[in-house]
PDB file of N, CA and C in Angstrom:
ATOM      1  N   MET A   1      14.912 -15.454  -1.572  1.00  0.00           N
ATOM      2  CA  MET A   1      13.809 -14.516  -1.411  1.00  0.00           C
ATOM      3  C   MET A   1      14.369 -13.126  -1.113  1.00  0.00           C
ATOM      4  N   SER A   2      13.757 -12.116  -1.669  1.00  0.00           N
ATOM      5  CA  SER A   2      14.257 -10.760  -1.511  1.00  0.00           C
ATOM      6  C   SER A   2      13.753 -10.136  -0.212  1.00  0.00           C
ATOM      7  N   ALA A   3      14.453  -9.102   0.218  1.00  0.00           N
ATOM      8  CA  ALA A   3      14.022  -8.353   1.391  1.00  0.00           C
ATOM      9  C   ALA A   3      12.786  -7.545   1.023  1.00  0.00           C
ATOM     10  N   PRO A   4      11.856  -7.413   1.948  1.00  0.00           N
ATOM     11  CA  PRO A   4      10.645  -6.656   1.634  1.00  0.00           C
ATOM     12  C   PRO A   4      10.926  -5.160   1.527  1.00  0.00           C
ATOM     13  N   LEU A   5      10.098  -4.499   0.759  1.00  0.00           N
ATOM     14  CA  LEU A   5      10.105  -3.050   0.649  1.00  0.00           C
ATOM     15  C   LEU A   5       9.189  -2.545   1.759  1.00  0.00           C
ATOM     16  N   VAL A   6       9.696  -1.704   2.645  1.00  0.00           N
ATOM     17  CA  VAL A   6       8.913  -1.220   3.784  1.00  0.00           C
ATOM     18  C   VAL A   6       8.813   0.300   3.705  1.00  0.00           C
ATOM     19  N   VAL A   7       7.576   0.800   3.811  1.00  0.00           N
ATOM     20  CA  VAL A   7       7.328   2.238   3.781  1.00  0.00           C
ATOM     21  C   VAL A   7       6.476   2.590   4.992  1.00  0.00           C
ATOM     22  N   SER A   8       6.913   3.580   5.751  1.00  0.00           N
ATOM     23  CA  SER A   8       6.143   4.063   6.893  1.00  0.00           C
ATOM     24  C   SER A   8       5.605   5.447   6.553  1.00  0.00           C
ATOM     25  N   ILE A   9       4.304   5.623   6.765  1.00  0.00           N
ATOM     26  CA  ILE A   9       3.647   6.886   6.427  1.00  0.00           C
ATOM     27  C   ILE A   9       2.979   7.435   7.688  1.00  0.00           C
ATOM     28  N   PRO A  10       3.456   8.563   8.204  1.00  0.00           N
ATOM     29  CA  PRO A  10       2.835   9.142   9.398  1.00  0.00           C
ATOM     30  C   PRO A  10       1.482   9.768   9.056  1.00  0.00           C
ATOM     31  N   HIS A  11       0.602   9.803  10.049  1.00  0.00           N
ATOM     32  CA  HIS A  11      -0.690  10.476   9.879  1.00  0.00           C
ATOM     33  C   HIS A  11      -1.178  10.981  11.228  1.00  0.00           C
ATOM     34  N   ARG A  12      -2.211  11.824  11.191  1.00  0.00           N
ATOM     35  CA  ARG A  12      -2.795  12.378  12.417  1.00  0.00           C
ATOM     36  C   ARG A  12      -4.287  12.091  12.483  1.00  0.00           C
ATOM     37  N   LEU A  13      -4.704  11.023  11.840  1.00  0.00           N
ATOM     38  CA  LEU A  13      -6.134  10.736  11.718  1.00  0.00           C
ATOM     39  C   LEU A  13      -6.681   9.860  12.835  1.00  0.00           C
ATOM     40  N   GLY A  14      -5.828   9.144  13.505  1.00  0.00           N
ATOM     41  CA  GLY A  14      -6.296   8.095  14.403  1.00  0.00           C
ATOM     42  C   GLY A  14      -6.488   6.821  13.596  1.00  0.00           C
ATOM     43  N   ARG A  15      -6.448   5.704  14.284  1.00  0.00           N
ATOM     44  CA  ARG A  15      -6.500   4.394  13.623  1.00  0.00           C
ATOM     45  C   ARG A  15      -7.800   4.182  12.844  1.00  0.00           C
ATOM     46  N   GLU A  16      -8.922   4.473  13.467  1.00  0.00           N
ATOM     47  CA  GLU A  16     -10.227   4.190  12.842  1.00  0.00           C
ATOM     48  C   GLU A  16     -10.414   4.935  11.519  1.00  0.00           C
ATOM     49  N   GLU A  17     -10.098   6.226  11.503  1.00  0.00           N
ATOM     50  CA  GLU A  17     -10.264   7.021  10.275  1.00  0.00           C
ATOM     51  C   GLU A  17      -9.261   6.595   9.205  1.00  0.00           C
ATOM     52  N   ALA A  18      -8.049   6.263   9.615  1.00  0.00           N
ATOM     53  CA  ALA A  18      -7.045   5.799   8.647  1.00  0.00           C
ATOM     54  C   ALA A  18      -7.503   4.503   7.984  1.00  0.00           C
ATOM     55  N   VAL A  19      -8.034   3.568   8.773  1.00  0.00           N
ATOM     56  CA  VAL A  19      -8.542   2.307   8.213  1.00  0.00           C
ATOM     57  C   VAL A  19      -9.680   2.591   7.242  1.00  0.00           C
ATOM     58  N   ARG A  20     -10.599   3.470   7.634  1.00  0.00           N
ATOM     59  CA  ARG A  20     -11.741   3.795   6.766  1.00  0.00           C
ATOM     60  C   ARG A  20     -11.260   4.315   5.412  1.00  0.00           C
ATOM     61  N   ARG A  21     -10.305   5.208   5.420  1.00  0.00           N
ATOM     62  CA  ARG A  21      -9.800   5.770   4.160  1.00  0.00           C
ATOM     63  C   ARG A  21      -9.060   4.726   3.329  1.00  0.00           C
ATOM     64  N   LEU A  22      -8.281   3.890   3.986  1.00  0.00           N
ATOM     65  CA  LEU A  22      -7.504   2.890   3.257  1.00  0.00           C
ATOM     66  C   LEU A  22      -8.371   1.783   2.673  1.00  0.00           C
ATOM     67  N   LYS A  23      -9.523   1.520   3.280  1.00  0.00           N
ATOM     68  CA  LYS A  23     -10.385   0.445   2.772  1.00  0.00           C
ATOM     69  C   LYS A  23     -10.850   0.710   1.349  1.00  0.00           C
ATOM     70  N   THR A  24     -10.944   1.955   0.972  1.00  0.00           N
ATOM     71  CA  THR A  24     -11.321   2.266  -0.415  1.00  0.00           C
ATOM     72  C   THR A  24     -10.113   2.661  -1.256  1.00  0.00           C
ATOM     73  N   GLY A  25      -8.980   2.840  -0.615  1.00  0.00           N
ATOM     74  CA  GLY A  25      -7.825   3.418  -1.285  1.00  0.00           C
ATOM     75  C   GLY A  25      -7.060   2.551  -2.257  1.00  0.00           C
ATOM     76  N   LEU A  26      -6.802   1.275  -1.935  1.00  0.00           N
ATOM     77  CA  LEU A  26      -5.943   0.452  -2.789  1.00  0.00           C
ATOM     78  C   LEU A  26      -6.563   0.227  -4.156  1.00  0.00           C
ATOM     79  N   THR A  27      -7.798  -0.206  -4.181  1.00  0.00           N
ATOM     80  CA  THR A  27      -8.452  -0.467  -5.465  1.00  0.00           C
ATOM     81  C   THR A  27      -8.578   0.820  -6.269  1.00  0.00           C
ATOM     82  N   ARG A  28      -8.928   1.914  -5.595  1.00  0.00           N
ATOM     83  CA  ARG A  28      -9.064   3.198  -6.289  1.00  0.00           C
ATOM     84  C   ARG A  28      -7.714   3.671  -6.824  1.00  0.00           C
ATOM     85  N   ALA A  29      -6.656   3.501  -6.050  1.00  0.00           N
ATOM     86  CA  ALA A  29      -5.319   3.902  -6.504  1.00  0.00           C
ATOM     87  C   ALA A  29      -4.877   3.063  -7.693  1.00  0.00           C
ATOM     88  N   ALA A  30      -5.220   1.782  -7.679  1.00  0.00           N
ATOM     89  CA  ALA A  30      -4.821   0.886  -8.769  1.00  0.00           C
ATOM     90  C   ALA A  30      -5.489   1.271 -10.086  1.00  0.00           C
ATOM     91  N   THR A  31      -6.672   1.863 -10.033  1.00  0.00           N
ATOM     92  CA  THR A  31      -7.341   2.258 -11.273  1.00  0.00           C
ATOM     93  C   THR A  31      -6.585   3.383 -11.974  1.00  0.00           C
ATOM     94  N   ASN A  32      -5.762   4.129 -11.227  1.00  0.00           N
ATOM     95  CA  ASN A  32      -4.967   5.212 -11.813  1.00  0.00           C
ATOM     96  C   ASN A  32      -3.646   4.726 -12.397  1.00  0.00           C
ATOM     97  N   VAL A  33      -3.320   3.456 -12.176  1.00  0.00           N
ATOM     98  CA  VAL A  33      -2.071   2.883 -12.689  1.00  0.00           C
ATOM     99  C   VAL A  33      -2.444   1.729 -13.608  1.00  0.00           C
ATOM    100  N   PRO A  34      -2.434   1.951 -14.924  1.00  0.00           N
ATOM    101  CA  PRO A  34      -2.921   0.942 -15.870  1.00  0.00           C
ATOM    102  C   PRO A  34      -2.234  -0.417 -15.764  1.00  0.00           C
ATOM    103  N   MET A  35      -0.962  -0.443 -15.367  1.00  0.00           N
ATOM    104  CA  MET A  35      -0.238  -1.714 -15.310  1.00  0.00           C
ATOM    105  C   MET A  35      -0.475  -2.472 -14.005  1.00  0.00           C
ATOM    106  N   LEU A  36      -1.229  -1.892 -13.073  1.00  0.00           N
ATOM    107  CA  LEU A  36      -1.419  -2.501 -11.755  1.00  0.00           C
ATOM    108  C   LEU A  36      -2.823  -3.072 -11.618  1.00  0.00           C
ATOM    109  N   LYS A  37      -2.897  -4.321 -11.180  1.00  0.00           N
ATOM    110  CA  LYS A  37      -4.188  -4.981 -10.964  1.00  0.00           C
ATOM    111  C   LYS A  37      -4.196  -5.567  -9.557  1.00  0.00           C
ATOM    112  N   VAL A  38      -5.265  -5.315  -8.809  1.00  0.00           N
ATOM    113  CA  VAL A  38      -5.401  -5.863  -7.458  1.00  0.00           C
ATOM    114  C   VAL A  38      -6.026  -7.246  -7.563  1.00  0.00           C
ATOM    115  N   ASP A  39      -5.283  -8.281  -7.142  1.00  0.00           N
ATOM    116  CA  ASP A  39      -5.796  -9.654  -7.149  1.00  0.00           C
ATOM    117  C   ASP A  39      -6.523  -9.986  -5.852  1.00  0.00           C
ATOM    118  N   GLU A  40      -6.054  -9.432  -4.738  1.00  0.00           N
ATOM    119  CA  GLU A  40      -6.665  -9.729  -3.434  1.00  0.00           C
ATOM    120  C   GLU A  40      -6.472  -8.536  -2.517  1.00  0.00           C
ATOM    121  N   GLU A  41      -7.500  -8.258  -1.735  1.00  0.00           N
ATOM    122  CA  GLU A  41      -7.444  -7.227  -0.698  1.00  0.00           C
ATOM    123  C   GLU A  41      -8.330  -7.724   0.433  1.00  0.00           C
ATOM    124  N   ARG A  42      -7.720  -8.084   1.558  1.00  0.00           N
ATOM    125  CA  ARG A  42      -8.471  -8.675   2.671  1.00  0.00           C
ATOM    126  C   ARG A  42      -8.082  -7.988   3.976  1.00  0.00           C
ATOM    127  N   TRP A  43      -9.077  -7.539   4.703  1.00  0.00           N
ATOM    128  CA  TRP A  43      -8.842  -6.871   5.978  1.00  0.00           C
ATOM    129  C   TRP A  43      -9.069  -7.834   7.133  1.00  0.00           C
ATOM    130  N   ASP A  44      -8.196  -7.748   8.133  1.00  0.00           N
ATOM    131  CA  ASP A  44      -8.338  -8.489   9.390  1.00  0.00           C
ATOM    132  C   ASP A  44      -7.995  -7.497  10.498  1.00  0.00           C
ATOM    133  N   GLY A  45      -9.013  -6.853  11.019  1.00  0.00           N
ATOM    134  CA  GLY A  45      -8.785  -5.807  12.016  1.00  0.00           C
ATOM    135  C   GLY A  45      -8.097  -4.613  11.384  1.00  0.00           C
ATOM    136  N   ASP A  46      -6.926  -4.268  11.909  1.00  0.00           N
ATOM    137  CA  ASP A  46      -6.176  -3.111  11.420  1.00  0.00           C
ATOM    138  C   ASP A  46      -5.090  -3.500  10.422  1.00  0.00           C
ATOM    139  N   ARG A  47      -5.184  -4.698   9.878  1.00  0.00           N
ATOM    140  CA  ARG A  47      -4.191  -5.168   8.901  1.00  0.00           C
ATOM    141  C   ARG A  47      -4.893  -5.542   7.600  1.00  0.00           C
ATOM    142  N   MET A  48      -4.354  -5.028   6.497  1.00  0.00           N
ATOM    143  CA  MET A  48      -4.837  -5.422   5.183  1.00  0.00           C
ATOM    144  C   MET A  48      -3.754  -6.272   4.525  1.00  0.00           C
ATOM    145  N   VAL A  49      -4.154  -7.430   4.045  1.00  0.00           N
ATOM    146  CA  VAL A  49      -3.260  -8.296   3.282  1.00  0.00           C
ATOM    147  C   VAL A  49      -3.658  -8.131   1.819  1.00  0.00           C
ATOM    148  N   PHE A  50      -2.673  -7.984   0.946  1.00  0.00           N
ATOM    149  CA  PHE A  50      -3.003  -7.766  -0.457  1.00  0.00           C
ATOM    150  C   PHE A  50      -2.059  -8.523  -1.375  1.00  0.00           C
ATOM    151  N   ARG A  51      -2.555  -8.733  -2.572  1.00  0.00           N
ATOM    152  CA  ARG A  51      -1.763  -9.307  -3.662  1.00  0.00           C
ATOM    153  C   ARG A  51      -2.084  -8.485  -4.899  1.00  0.00           C
ATOM    154  N   VAL A  52      -1.054  -7.993  -5.558  1.00  0.00           N
ATOM    155  CA  VAL A  52      -1.235  -7.198  -6.769  1.00  0.00           C
ATOM    156  C   VAL A  52      -0.398  -7.797  -7.888  1.00  0.00           C
ATOM    157  N   ARG A  53      -0.710  -7.390  -9.098  1.00  0.00           N
ATOM    158  CA  ARG A  53       0.020  -7.867 -10.271  1.00  0.00           C
ATOM    159  C   ARG A  53       0.404  -6.644 -11.106  1.00  0.00           C
ATOM    160  N   ALA A  54       1.676  -6.615 -11.506  1.00  0.00           N
ATOM    161  CA  ALA A  54       2.174  -5.540 -12.365  1.00  0.00           C
ATOM    162  C   ALA A  54       3.105  -6.157 -13.393  1.00  0.00           C
ATOM    163  N   MET A  55       2.894  -5.824 -14.633  1.00  0.00           N
ATOM    164  CA  MET A  55       3.725  -6.342 -15.726  1.00  0.00           C
ATOM    165  C   MET A  55       3.797  -7.869 -15.696  1.00  0.00           C
ATOM    166  N   GLY A  56       2.674  -8.496 -15.351  1.00  0.00           N
ATOM    167  CA  GLY A  56       2.610  -9.953 -15.330  1.00  0.00           C
ATOM    168  C   GLY A  56       3.252 -10.597 -14.119  1.00  0.00           C
ATOM    169  N   GLN A  57       3.757  -9.802 -13.186  1.00  0.00           N
ATOM    170  CA  GLN A  57       4.430 -10.325 -11.997  1.00  0.00           C
ATOM    171  C   GLN A  57       3.570 -10.065 -10.762  1.00  0.00           C
ATOM    172  N   ALA A  58       3.480 -11.051  -9.871  1.00  0.00           N
ATOM    173  CA  ALA A  58       2.692 -10.909  -8.646  1.00  0.00           C
ATOM    174  C   ALA A  58       3.570 -10.407  -7.508  1.00  0.00           C
ATOM    175  N   ALA A  59       3.028  -9.485  -6.737  1.00  0.00           N
ATOM    176  CA  ALA A  59       3.681  -8.987  -5.526  1.00  0.00           C
ATOM    177  C   ALA A  59       2.662  -9.085  -4.404  1.00  0.00           C
ATOM    178  N   SER A  60       3.130  -9.359  -3.205  1.00  0.00           N
ATOM    179  CA  SER A  60       2.211  -9.467  -2.077  1.00  0.00           C
ATOM    180  C   SER A  60       2.755  -8.676  -0.904  1.00  0.00           C
ATOM    181  N   GLY A  61       1.860  -8.366   0.009  1.00  0.00           N
ATOM    182  CA  GLY A  61       2.295  -7.623   1.177  1.00  0.00           C
ATOM    183  C   GLY A  61       1.157  -7.370   2.130  1.00  0.00           C
ATOM    184  N   HIS A  62       1.405  -6.472   3.057  1.00  0.00           N
ATOM    185  CA  HIS A  62       0.373  -6.103   4.015  1.00  0.00           C
ATOM    186  C   HIS A  62       0.553  -4.649   4.447  1.00  0.00           C
ATOM    187  N   VAL A  63      -0.531  -4.114   4.977  1.00  0.00           N
ATOM    188  CA  VAL A  63      -0.559  -2.757   5.506  1.00  0.00           C
ATOM    189  C   VAL A  63      -1.006  -2.866   6.956  1.00  0.00           C
ATOM    190  N   ASP A  64      -0.206  -2.339   7.867  1.00  0.00           N
ATOM    191  CA  ASP A  64      -0.571  -2.295   9.282  1.00  0.00           C
ATOM    192  C   ASP A  64      -0.878  -0.853   9.648  1.00  0.00           C
ATOM    193  N   VAL A  65      -2.060  -0.638  10.237  1.00  0.00           N
ATOM    194  CA  VAL A  65      -2.493   0.706  10.596  1.00  0.00           C
ATOM    195  C   VAL A  65      -2.349   0.897  12.101  1.00  0.00           C
ATOM    196  N   ALA A  66      -1.571   1.900  12.482  1.00  0.00           N
ATOM    197  CA  ALA A  66      -1.409   2.271  13.884  1.00  0.00           C
ATOM    198  C   ALA A  66      -2.096   3.617  14.111  1.00  0.00           C
ATOM    199  N   GLU A  67      -2.127   4.051  15.345  1.00  0.00           N
ATOM    200  CA  GLU A  67      -2.798   5.297  15.704  1.00  0.00           C
ATOM    201  C   GLU A  67      -2.203   6.512  14.984  1.00  0.00           C
ATOM    202  N   ASP A  68      -0.882   6.494  14.735  1.00  0.00           N
ATOM    203  CA  ASP A  68      -0.232   7.673  14.160  1.00  0.00           C
ATOM    204  C   ASP A  68       0.618   7.397  12.919  1.00  0.00           C
ATOM    205  N   HIS A  69       0.581   6.174  12.418  1.00  0.00           N
ATOM    206  CA  HIS A  69       1.313   5.861  11.190  1.00  0.00           C
ATOM    207  C   HIS A  69       0.769   4.584  10.552  1.00  0.00           C
ATOM    208  N   VAL A  70       1.115   4.424   9.293  1.00  0.00           N
ATOM    209  CA  VAL A  70       0.760   3.222   8.539  1.00  0.00           C
ATOM    210  C   VAL A  70       2.066   2.631   8.027  1.00  0.00           C
ATOM    211  N   THR A  71       2.212   1.322   8.153  1.00  0.00           N
ATOM    212  CA  THR A  71       3.390   0.645   7.620  1.00  0.00           C
ATOM    213  C   THR A  71       2.955  -0.262   6.481  1.00  0.00           C
ATOM    214  N   VAL A  72       3.555  -0.065   5.319  1.00  0.00           N
ATOM    215  CA  VAL A  72       3.284  -0.885   4.141  1.00  0.00           C
ATOM    216  C   VAL A  72       4.519  -1.746   3.901  1.00  0.00           C
ATOM    217  N   GLU A  73       4.300  -3.049   3.794  1.00  0.00           N
ATOM    218  CA  GLU A  73       5.399  -3.973   3.517  1.00  0.00           C
ATOM    219  C   GLU A  73       5.032  -4.790   2.289  1.00  0.00           C
ATOM    220  N   VAL A  74       5.894  -4.747   1.270  1.00  0.00           N
ATOM    221  CA  VAL A  74       5.634  -5.434   0.004  1.00  0.00           C
ATOM    222  C   VAL A  74       6.846  -6.280  -0.363  1.00  0.00           C
ATOM    223  N   VAL A  75       6.592  -7.512  -0.766  1.00  0.00           N
ATOM    224  CA  VAL A  75       7.653  -8.372  -1.282  1.00  0.00           C
ATOM    225  C   VAL A  75       7.540  -8.357  -2.801  1.00  0.00           C
ATOM    226  N   LEU A  76       8.555  -7.802  -3.443  1.00  0.00           N
ATOM    227  CA  LEU A  76       8.565  -7.700  -4.903  1.00  0.00           C
ATOM    228  C   LEU A  76       9.293  -8.893  -5.503  1.00  0.00           C
ATOM    229  N   PRO A  77       8.758  -9.458  -6.573  1.00  0.00           N
ATOM    230  CA  PRO A  77       9.481 -10.528  -7.262  1.00  0.00           C
ATOM    231  C   PRO A  77      10.747  -9.959  -7.909  1.00  0.00           C
ATOM    232  N   TRP A  78      11.651 -10.833  -8.224  1.00  0.00           N
ATOM    233  CA  TRP A  78      12.948 -10.448  -8.765  1.00  0.00           C
ATOM    234  C   TRP A  78      12.826  -9.469  -9.933  1.00  0.00           C
ATOM    235  N   LEU A  79      11.912  -9.728 -10.859  1.00  0.00           N
ATOM    236  CA  LEU A  79      11.792  -8.870 -12.045  1.00  0.00           C
ATOM    237  C   LEU A  79      11.305  -7.454 -11.731  1.00  0.00           C
ATOM    238  N   LEU A  80      10.618  -7.285 -10.602  1.00  0.00           N
ATOM    239  CA  LEU A  80      10.115  -5.956 -10.248  1.00  0.00           C
ATOM    240  C   LEU A  80      11.026  -5.219  -9.272  1.00  0.00           C
ATOM    241  N   GLN A  81      12.054  -5.876  -8.770  1.00  0.00           N
ATOM    242  CA  GLN A  81      12.928  -5.238  -7.785  1.00  0.00           C
ATOM    243  C   GLN A  81      13.624  -3.997  -8.330  1.00  0.00           C
ATOM    244  N   ARG A  82      13.876  -3.960  -9.621  1.00  0.00           N
ATOM    245  CA  ARG A  82      14.531  -2.782 -10.199  1.00  0.00           C
ATOM    246  C   ARG A  82      13.645  -1.543 -10.102  1.00  0.00           C
ATOM    247  N   PHE A  83      12.343  -1.737  -9.864  1.00  0.00           N
ATOM    248  CA  PHE A  83      11.415  -0.618  -9.735  1.00  0.00           C
ATOM    249  C   PHE A  83      11.101  -0.297  -8.277  1.00  0.00           C
ATOM    250  N   ALA A  84      11.885  -0.836  -7.342  1.00  0.00           N
ATOM    251  CA  ALA A  84      11.608  -0.672  -5.912  1.00  0.00           C
ATOM    252  C   ALA A  84      11.578   0.798  -5.494  1.00  0.00           C
ATOM    253  N   GLU A  85      12.521   1.593  -5.969  1.00  0.00           N
ATOM    254  CA  GLU A  85      12.545   3.011  -5.586  1.00  0.00           C
ATOM    255  C   GLU A  85      11.324   3.750  -6.114  1.00  0.00           C
ATOM    256  N   VAL A  86      10.931   3.435  -7.336  1.00  0.00           N
ATOM    257  CA  VAL A  86       9.740   4.054  -7.924  1.00  0.00           C
ATOM    258  C   VAL A  86       8.499   3.625  -7.140  1.00  0.00           C
ATOM    259  N   ALA A  87       8.412   2.335  -6.809  1.00  0.00           N
ATOM    260  CA  ALA A  87       7.277   1.820  -6.039  1.00  0.00           C
ATOM    261  C   ALA A  87       7.224   2.475  -4.665  1.00  0.00           C
ATOM    262  N   GLN A  88       8.368   2.611  -4.019  1.00  0.00           N
ATOM    263  CA  GLN A  88       8.426   3.221  -2.694  1.00  0.00           C
ATOM    264  C   GLN A  88       7.926   4.666  -2.741  1.00  0.00           C
ATOM    265  N   ALA A  89       8.370   5.427  -3.725  1.00  0.00           N
ATOM    266  CA  ALA A  89       7.933   6.820  -3.867  1.00  0.00           C
ATOM    267  C   ALA A  89       6.434   6.898  -4.150  1.00  0.00           C
ATOM    268  N   ALA A  90       5.922   6.000  -5.001  1.00  0.00           N
ATOM    269  CA  ALA A  90       4.491   5.997  -5.335  1.00  0.00           C
ATOM    270  C   ALA A  90       3.649   5.636  -4.118  1.00  0.00           C
ATOM    271  N   ILE A  91       4.081   4.628  -3.355  1.00  0.00           N
ATOM    272  CA  ILE A  91       3.345   4.222  -2.148  1.00  0.00           C
ATOM    273  C   ILE A  91       3.295   5.383  -1.162  1.00  0.00           C
ATOM    274  N   LYS A  92       4.427   6.026  -0.944  1.00  0.00           N
ATOM    275  CA  LYS A  92       4.485   7.143   0.006  1.00  0.00           C
ATOM    276  C   LYS A  92       3.610   8.308  -0.469  1.00  0.00           C
ATOM    277  N   SER A  93       3.673   8.629  -1.753  1.00  0.00           N
ATOM    278  CA  SER A  93       2.893   9.733  -2.300  1.00  0.00           C
ATOM    279  C   SER A  93       1.391   9.475  -2.199  1.00  0.00           C
ATOM    280  N   ARG A  94       0.953   8.309  -2.661  1.00  0.00           N
ATOM    281  CA  ARG A  94      -0.480   7.989  -2.627  1.00  0.00           C
ATOM    282  C   ARG A  94      -0.969   7.805  -1.196  1.00  0.00           C
ATOM    283  N   GLY A  95      -0.122   7.235  -0.360  1.00  0.00           N
ATOM    284  CA  GLY A  95      -0.474   7.084   1.052  1.00  0.00           C
ATOM    285  C   GLY A  95      -0.670   8.430   1.720  1.00  0.00           C
ATOM    286  N   ASN A  96       0.229   9.362   1.446  1.00  0.00           N
ATOM    287  CA  ASN A  96       0.089  10.707   2.011  1.00  0.00           C
ATOM    288  C   ASN A  96      -1.191  11.380   1.534  1.00  0.00           C
ATOM    289  N   LEU A  97      -1.538  11.198   0.266  1.00  0.00           N
ATOM    290  CA  LEU A  97      -2.782  11.779  -0.250  1.00  0.00           C
ATOM    291  C   LEU A  97      -3.997  11.220   0.487  1.00  0.00           C
ATOM    292  N   LEU A  98      -4.005   9.907   0.698  1.00  0.00           N
ATOM    293  CA  LEU A  98      -5.137   9.275   1.380  1.00  0.00           C
ATOM    294  C   LEU A  98      -5.222   9.664   2.852  1.00  0.00           C
ATOM    295  N   LEU A  99      -4.073   9.859   3.479  1.00  0.00           N
ATOM    296  CA  LEU A  99      -4.040  10.025   4.929  1.00  0.00           C
ATOM    297  C   LEU A  99      -3.877  11.470   5.391  1.00  0.00           C
ATOM    298  N   THR A 100      -3.906  12.413   4.454  1.00  0.00           N
ATOM    299  CA  THR A 100      -3.802  13.819   4.832  1.00  0.00           C
ATOM    300  C   THR A 100      -5.178  14.323   5.223  1.00  0.00           C
ATOM    301  N   LYS A 101      -5.224  15.022   6.341  1.00  0.00           N
ATOM    302  CA  LYS A 101      -6.504  15.581   6.785  1.00  0.00           C
ATOM    303  C   LYS A 101      -6.997  16.597   5.773  1.00  0.00           C
ATOM    304  N   LYS A 102      -8.268  16.511   5.478  1.00  0.00           N
ATOM    305  CA  LYS A 102      -8.882  17.496   4.588  1.00  0.00           C
ATOM    306  C   LYS A 102      -9.496  18.584   5.460  1.00  0.00           C
ATOM    307  N   SER A 103      -9.250  19.825   5.105  1.00  0.00           N
ATOM    308  CA  SER A 103      -9.772  20.951   5.901  1.00  0.00           C
ATOM    309  C   SER A 103     -11.238  21.157   5.647  1.00  0.00           C
TER     310      SER A 103
END
């Protein structure tokens, strides 16, 4: 089994607002990536468990929301590991967009 891909994204929203934004974020973000399909998205308090599919391969993980940061942990299958750096950059970029305060 491979090591998980872990991304930490700081924010200044507080836990409640970050959760609210993220609850609509994964599915909406996936619509912008044609090769990505969300198979499962389930919230349990401040943790979202998800399963996605890309290029026919399933990846799973979770998002933990804290007061000042969000941690995304994804386990990529062997065939998708070569895209780990791209996935990490995309997660960080989209996460920052969702979690940036709007003036």
